[in-house]
């Protein structure tokens, strides 16, 4: 799984405007953090996905917009990805 995760991170990091990524397991523990993304935020991203599931009976896609970056949060196969991108 580590090679697959590194391949995904490398592919996403090469996308124009991406400044960081955090990958989180189903327990909220950080699997990998790159760029400007902070590993200590991993649990928050997982918690947002779980709270979103309570609103609807499906996995949400979450976007957080700030002055310095946009954060896109999505869960796939029990792994949560948070992508930090320039606005």
C-alpha atoms as a PDB file:
ATOM      1  CA  UNK A   1       0.000   0.000   0.000  1.00  0.00           C
ATOM      2  CA  UNK A   2       2.917   2.347   0.677  1.00  0.00           C
ATOM      3  CA  UNK A   3       4.015   2.312  -2.962  1.00  0.00           C
ATOM      4  CA  UNK A   4       0.461   2.938  -4.166  1.00  0.00           C
ATOM      5  CA  UNK A   5       0.105   5.818  -1.726  1.00  0.00           C
ATOM      6  CA  UNK A   6       3.403   7.355  -2.831  1.00  0.00           C
ATOM      7  CA  UNK A   7       2.372   7.003  -6.480  1.00  0.00           C
ATOM      8  CA  UNK A   8      -0.912   8.836  -5.831  1.00  0.00           C
ATOM      9  CA  UNK A   9       0.868  11.574  -3.873  1.00  0.00           C
ATOM     10  CA  UNK A  10       3.450  12.029  -6.612  1.00  0.00           C
ATOM     11  CA  UNK A  11       0.773  12.205  -9.285  1.00  0.00           C
ATOM     12  CA  UNK A  12      -1.364  14.705  -7.339  1.00  0.00           C
ATOM     13  CA  UNK A  13       1.629  16.815  -6.294  1.00  0.00           C
ATOM     14  CA  UNK A  14       2.559  17.348  -9.919  1.00  0.00           C
ATOM     15  CA  UNK A  15      -0.851  18.897 -10.599  1.00  0.00           C
ATOM     16  CA  UNK A  16      -0.680  22.649 -11.148  1.00  0.00           C
ATOM     17  CA  UNK A  17      -1.402  24.655  -7.975  1.00  0.00           C
ATOM     18  CA  UNK A  18      -1.199  21.773  -5.482  1.00  0.00           C
ATOM     19  CA  UNK A  19       0.830  22.845  -2.446  1.00  0.00           C
ATOM     20  CA  UNK A  20       0.267  19.887  -0.104  1.00  0.00           C
ATOM     21  CA  UNK A  21      -1.622  16.704   0.709  1.00  0.00           C
ATOM     22  CA  UNK A  22      -2.589  14.696   3.770  1.00  0.00           C
ATOM     23  CA  UNK A  23      -3.637  11.033   3.649  1.00  0.00           C
ATOM     24  CA  UNK A  24      -5.539   9.717   6.670  1.00  0.00           C
ATOM     25  CA  UNK A  25      -6.565   6.196   7.670  1.00  0.00           C
ATOM     26  CA  UNK A  26     -10.012   5.272   9.005  1.00  0.00           C
ATOM     27  CA  UNK A  27      -8.868   5.868  12.609  1.00  0.00           C
ATOM     28  CA  UNK A  28      -7.816   9.440  11.869  1.00  0.00           C
ATOM     29  CA  UNK A  29      -4.086   8.723  11.880  1.00  0.00           C
ATOM     30  CA  UNK A  30      -1.875  10.392   9.318  1.00  0.00           C
ATOM     31  CA  UNK A  31      -0.497   7.988   6.721  1.00  0.00           C
ATOM     32  CA  UNK A  32       1.472  10.626   4.826  1.00  0.00           C
ATOM     33  CA  UNK A  33       1.679  14.418   4.608  1.00  0.00           C
ATOM     34  CA  UNK A  34       3.486  16.390   1.921  1.00  0.00           C
ATOM     35  CA  UNK A  35       4.162  20.025   1.095  1.00  0.00           C
ATOM     36  CA  UNK A  36       2.482  22.684   3.190  1.00  0.00           C
ATOM     37  CA  UNK A  37      -0.070  20.238   4.625  1.00  0.00           C
ATOM     38  CA  UNK A  38       0.426  19.554   8.328  1.00  0.00           C
ATOM     39  CA  UNK A  39       0.219  15.953   9.598  1.00  0.00           C
ATOM     40  CA  UNK A  40      -1.352  17.151  12.864  1.00  0.00           C
ATOM     41  CA  UNK A  41      -4.546  18.094  10.975  1.00  0.00           C
ATOM     42  CA  UNK A  42      -5.217  14.512   9.853  1.00  0.00           C
ATOM     43  CA  UNK A  43      -7.791  13.730  12.532  1.00  0.00           C
ATOM     44  CA  UNK A  44      -9.768  16.873  11.728  1.00  0.00           C
ATOM     45  CA  UNK A  45     -10.144  15.892   8.090  1.00  0.00           C
ATOM     46  CA  UNK A  46     -11.364  12.447   9.083  1.00  0.00           C
ATOM     47  CA  UNK A  47     -13.813  13.941  11.591  1.00  0.00           C
ATOM     48  CA  UNK A  48     -15.247  16.269   8.925  1.00  0.00           C
ATOM     49  CA  UNK A  49     -15.888  13.295   6.634  1.00  0.00           C
ATOM     50  CA  UNK A  50     -17.591  11.371   9.456  1.00  0.00           C
ATOM     51  CA  UNK A  51     -19.796  14.344  10.398  1.00  0.00           C
ATOM     52  CA  UNK A  52     -20.701  14.819   6.742  1.00  0.00           C
ATOM     53  CA  UNK A  53     -21.850  11.204   6.574  1.00  0.00           C
ATOM     54  CA  UNK A  54     -24.301  11.949   9.393  1.00  0.00           C
ATOM     55  CA  UNK A  55     -25.977  14.643   7.281  1.00  0.00           C
ATOM     56  CA  UNK A  56     -26.414  12.345   4.293  1.00  0.00           C
ATOM     57  CA  UNK A  57     -26.129   8.608   3.970  1.00  0.00           C
ATOM     58  CA  UNK A  58     -23.244   8.929   1.532  1.00  0.00           C
ATOM     59  CA  UNK A  59     -19.611   9.970   1.599  1.00  0.00           C
ATOM     60  CA  UNK A  60     -19.351  13.744   1.147  1.00  0.00           C
ATOM     61  CA  UNK A  61     -16.842  15.749  -0.844  1.00  0.00           C
ATOM     62  CA  UNK A  62     -15.858  18.762   1.263  1.00  0.00           C
ATOM     63  CA  UNK A  63     -14.270  22.023   0.136  1.00  0.00           C
ATOM     64  CA  UNK A  64     -12.814  24.574   2.548  1.00  0.00           C
ATOM     65  CA  UNK A  65     -11.892  27.928   1.039  1.00  0.00           C
ATOM     66  CA  UNK A  66      -9.447  30.292   2.768  1.00  0.00           C
ATOM     67  CA  UNK A  67      -7.467  33.325   1.640  1.00  0.00           C
ATOM     68  CA  UNK A  68      -4.268  31.303   1.299  1.00  0.00           C
ATOM     69  CA  UNK A  69      -5.528  27.962  -0.034  1.00  0.00           C
ATOM     70  CA  UNK A  70      -8.463  25.759  -0.911  1.00  0.00           C
ATOM     71  CA  UNK A  71      -8.685  22.364   0.777  1.00  0.00           C
ATOM     72  CA  UNK A  72     -10.533  19.521  -0.932  1.00  0.00           C
ATOM     73  CA  UNK A  73     -11.393  16.545   1.295  1.00  0.00           C
ATOM     74  CA  UNK A  74     -12.576  13.198  -0.041  1.00  0.00           C
ATOM     75  CA  UNK A  75     -12.712   9.608   1.204  1.00  0.00           C
ATOM     76  CA  UNK A  76     -11.953   6.611  -0.996  1.00  0.00           C
ATOM     77  CA  UNK A  77     -11.552   3.017   0.180  1.00  0.00           C
ATOM     78  CA  UNK A  78     -11.329   3.962   3.876  1.00  0.00           C
ATOM     79  CA  UNK A  79      -8.541   6.473   3.194  1.00  0.00           C
ATOM     80  CA  UNK A  80      -9.285  10.182   3.448  1.00  0.00           C
ATOM     81  CA  UNK A  81      -7.364  12.592   1.208  1.00  0.00           C
ATOM     82  CA  UNK A  82      -7.056  16.320   1.866  1.00  0.00           C
ATOM     83  CA  UNK A  83      -5.591  18.236  -1.053  1.00  0.00           C
ATOM     84  CA  UNK A  84      -4.298  21.772  -0.438  1.00  0.00           C
ATOM     85  CA  UNK A  85      -4.361  23.929  -3.542  1.00  0.00           C
ATOM     86  CA  UNK A  86      -3.712  27.593  -4.288  1.00  0.00           C
ATOM     87  CA  UNK A  87      -6.967  29.592  -4.677  1.00  0.00           C
END
